[in-house]
N, C-alpha and C. Protein backbone atom coordinates (compact mmCIF):
# COMPACT_ATOMS: atom_id res chain seq x y z
N MET A 1 68.73 54.92 73.56
CA MET A 1 67.99 54.02 74.42
C MET A 1 68.97 53.35 75.39
N THR A 2 68.64 53.38 76.67
CA THR A 2 69.53 52.80 77.66
C THR A 2 69.15 51.35 77.93
N SER A 3 70.11 50.61 78.43
CA SER A 3 69.82 49.21 78.75
C SER A 3 69.10 49.15 80.10
N PRO A 4 68.22 48.18 80.28
CA PRO A 4 67.48 48.10 81.54
C PRO A 4 68.40 47.68 82.69
N LEU A 5 68.12 48.19 83.86
CA LEU A 5 68.89 47.85 85.04
C LEU A 5 68.15 46.80 85.85
N ALA A 6 68.90 45.91 86.47
CA ALA A 6 68.29 44.90 87.33
C ALA A 6 67.88 45.56 88.63
N VAL A 7 66.66 45.31 89.05
CA VAL A 7 66.16 45.88 90.30
C VAL A 7 66.10 44.80 91.37
N ILE A 8 65.70 43.60 90.99
CA ILE A 8 65.61 42.49 91.93
C ILE A 8 66.97 41.81 91.99
N PRO A 9 67.50 41.55 93.18
CA PRO A 9 68.81 40.92 93.27
C PRO A 9 68.80 39.50 92.70
N SER A 10 69.92 39.11 92.11
CA SER A 10 70.01 37.76 91.54
C SER A 10 70.24 36.73 92.65
N ASN A 11 70.07 35.47 92.28
CA ASN A 11 70.25 34.38 93.23
C ASN A 11 71.72 34.28 93.64
N ARG A 12 71.99 33.97 94.88
CA ARG A 12 73.37 33.91 95.37
C ARG A 12 74.15 32.75 94.76
N SER A 13 73.47 31.70 94.34
CA SER A 13 74.16 30.55 93.78
C SER A 13 74.48 30.74 92.29
N ARG A 14 74.09 31.85 91.73
CA ARG A 14 74.37 32.12 90.32
C ARG A 14 75.87 32.36 90.12
N LYS A 15 76.41 31.84 89.02
CA LYS A 15 77.84 31.98 88.76
C LYS A 15 78.22 33.43 88.49
N ILE A 16 77.48 34.08 87.61
CA ILE A 16 77.74 35.49 87.31
C ILE A 16 76.63 36.31 87.97
N ILE A 17 77.00 37.03 89.00
CA ILE A 17 76.01 37.81 89.75
C ILE A 17 75.73 39.11 89.00
N ILE A 18 74.46 39.39 88.79
CA ILE A 18 74.04 40.61 88.11
C ILE A 18 73.96 41.72 89.15
N PRO A 19 74.67 42.81 88.96
CA PRO A 19 74.63 43.89 89.96
C PRO A 19 73.26 44.57 89.97
N HIS A 20 72.86 44.99 91.15
CA HIS A 20 71.58 45.70 91.30
C HIS A 20 71.78 46.85 92.27
N ASP A 21 70.84 47.77 92.24
CA ASP A 21 70.89 48.93 93.12
C ASP A 21 70.01 48.64 94.34
N PRO A 22 70.56 48.50 95.52
CA PRO A 22 69.76 48.16 96.70
C PRO A 22 68.77 49.26 97.09
N ILE A 23 69.07 50.50 96.78
CA ILE A 23 68.15 51.60 97.13
C ILE A 23 66.90 51.53 96.26
N ILE A 24 67.08 51.31 94.97
CA ILE A 24 65.92 51.18 94.07
C ILE A 24 65.09 49.95 94.45
N TYR A 25 65.77 48.86 94.83
CA TYR A 25 65.06 47.65 95.24
C TYR A 25 64.23 47.91 96.49
N LYS A 26 64.77 48.68 97.43
CA LYS A 26 64.05 49.01 98.66
C LYS A 26 62.79 49.81 98.35
N HIS A 27 62.91 50.80 97.46
CA HIS A 27 61.75 51.61 97.09
C HIS A 27 60.71 50.77 96.34
N ARG A 28 61.17 49.91 95.44
CA ARG A 28 60.26 49.06 94.68
C ARG A 28 59.51 48.11 95.62
N ASN A 29 60.22 47.55 96.58
CA ASN A 29 59.61 46.63 97.52
C ASN A 29 58.56 47.35 98.38
N ARG A 30 58.86 48.57 98.79
CA ARG A 30 57.92 49.34 99.61
C ARG A 30 56.64 49.65 98.83
N ILE A 31 56.78 50.04 97.57
CA ILE A 31 55.61 50.35 96.73
C ILE A 31 54.80 49.09 96.47
N GLU A 32 55.49 47.99 96.21
CA GLU A 32 54.79 46.73 95.94
C GLU A 32 54.01 46.26 97.16
N SER A 33 54.58 46.39 98.36
CA SER A 33 53.87 45.97 99.57
C SER A 33 52.70 46.90 99.86
N CYS A 34 52.82 48.18 99.52
CA CYS A 34 51.70 49.11 99.70
C CYS A 34 50.54 48.72 98.81
N PHE A 35 50.81 48.41 97.53
CA PHE A 35 49.74 47.98 96.65
C PHE A 35 49.14 46.66 97.10
N ASN A 36 49.97 45.78 97.65
CA ASN A 36 49.47 44.51 98.14
C ASN A 36 48.53 44.72 99.31
N ARG A 37 48.88 45.64 100.22
CA ARG A 37 48.01 45.96 101.34
C ARG A 37 46.68 46.54 100.86
N LEU A 38 46.75 47.44 99.88
CA LEU A 38 45.54 48.06 99.35
C LEU A 38 44.67 47.03 98.64
N LYS A 39 45.29 46.06 98.01
CA LYS A 39 44.55 45.03 97.30
C LYS A 39 43.77 44.15 98.27
N HIS A 40 44.35 43.91 99.44
CA HIS A 40 43.68 43.09 100.43
C HIS A 40 42.68 43.87 101.27
N PHE A 41 42.69 45.18 101.15
CA PHE A 41 41.75 46.01 101.86
C PHE A 41 40.44 45.99 101.07
N ARG A 42 39.46 45.29 101.56
CA ARG A 42 38.25 44.96 100.81
C ARG A 42 37.48 46.20 100.34
N ARG A 43 37.39 47.20 101.15
CA ARG A 43 36.61 48.38 100.79
C ARG A 43 37.19 49.07 99.56
N PHE A 44 38.50 49.11 99.50
CA PHE A 44 39.14 49.75 98.35
C PHE A 44 38.98 48.90 97.09
N ALA A 45 39.05 47.60 97.24
CA ALA A 45 38.98 46.71 96.08
C ALA A 45 37.58 46.73 95.45
N THR A 46 36.54 46.81 96.27
CA THR A 46 35.18 46.78 95.72
C THR A 46 34.60 48.16 95.49
N ARG A 47 35.24 49.20 96.00
CA ARG A 47 34.82 50.59 95.80
C ARG A 47 33.38 50.83 96.23
N TYR A 48 33.11 50.58 97.51
CA TYR A 48 31.78 50.82 98.04
C TYR A 48 31.49 52.31 98.24
N GLU A 49 32.52 53.10 98.36
CA GLU A 49 32.34 54.53 98.63
C GLU A 49 31.82 55.25 97.38
N ARG A 50 30.86 56.12 97.57
CA ARG A 50 30.31 56.87 96.45
C ARG A 50 31.11 58.15 96.19
N LEU A 51 31.60 58.76 97.25
CA LEU A 51 32.35 60.01 97.10
C LEU A 51 33.85 59.73 97.03
N SER A 52 34.52 60.48 96.20
CA SER A 52 35.97 60.29 96.08
C SER A 52 36.70 60.70 97.36
N ILE A 53 36.12 61.63 98.13
CA ILE A 53 36.74 62.06 99.38
C ILE A 53 36.76 60.90 100.37
N SER A 54 35.65 60.15 100.43
CA SER A 54 35.59 59.00 101.34
C SER A 54 36.57 57.92 100.92
N GLN A 55 36.68 57.71 99.63
CA GLN A 55 37.60 56.69 99.14
C GLN A 55 39.05 57.12 99.40
N GLY A 56 39.34 58.39 99.22
CA GLY A 56 40.68 58.89 99.48
C GLY A 56 41.06 58.78 100.95
N SER A 57 40.08 59.02 101.83
CA SER A 57 40.37 58.92 103.25
C SER A 57 40.58 57.46 103.66
N SER A 58 39.86 56.53 103.02
CA SER A 58 40.06 55.13 103.36
C SER A 58 41.44 54.65 102.90
N ILE A 59 41.93 55.19 101.79
CA ILE A 59 43.29 54.85 101.34
C ILE A 59 44.31 55.40 102.31
N THR A 60 44.07 56.61 102.81
CA THR A 60 44.99 57.23 103.76
C THR A 60 45.02 56.44 105.06
N LEU A 61 43.87 55.98 105.52
CA LEU A 61 43.82 55.20 106.75
C LEU A 61 44.53 53.86 106.58
N GLN A 62 44.40 53.26 105.43
CA GLN A 62 45.01 51.96 105.20
C GLN A 62 46.53 52.04 105.13
N SER A 63 47.05 53.12 104.51
CA SER A 63 48.50 53.22 104.41
C SER A 63 49.03 53.78 105.69
């Protein structure tokens, strides 16, 4: 079992700075903002579409 890696950078005023991978943080931030956008997209949140094709196209338009 491996130890978990820090993804979010630590506070600059911290005495012992925990190293993090900036590339993983960038990918995580991008995915998180995409889900946040989809969450605020009302049609996706309430699932008004009956067909999965329509719902898939609305997700594509939103991203």
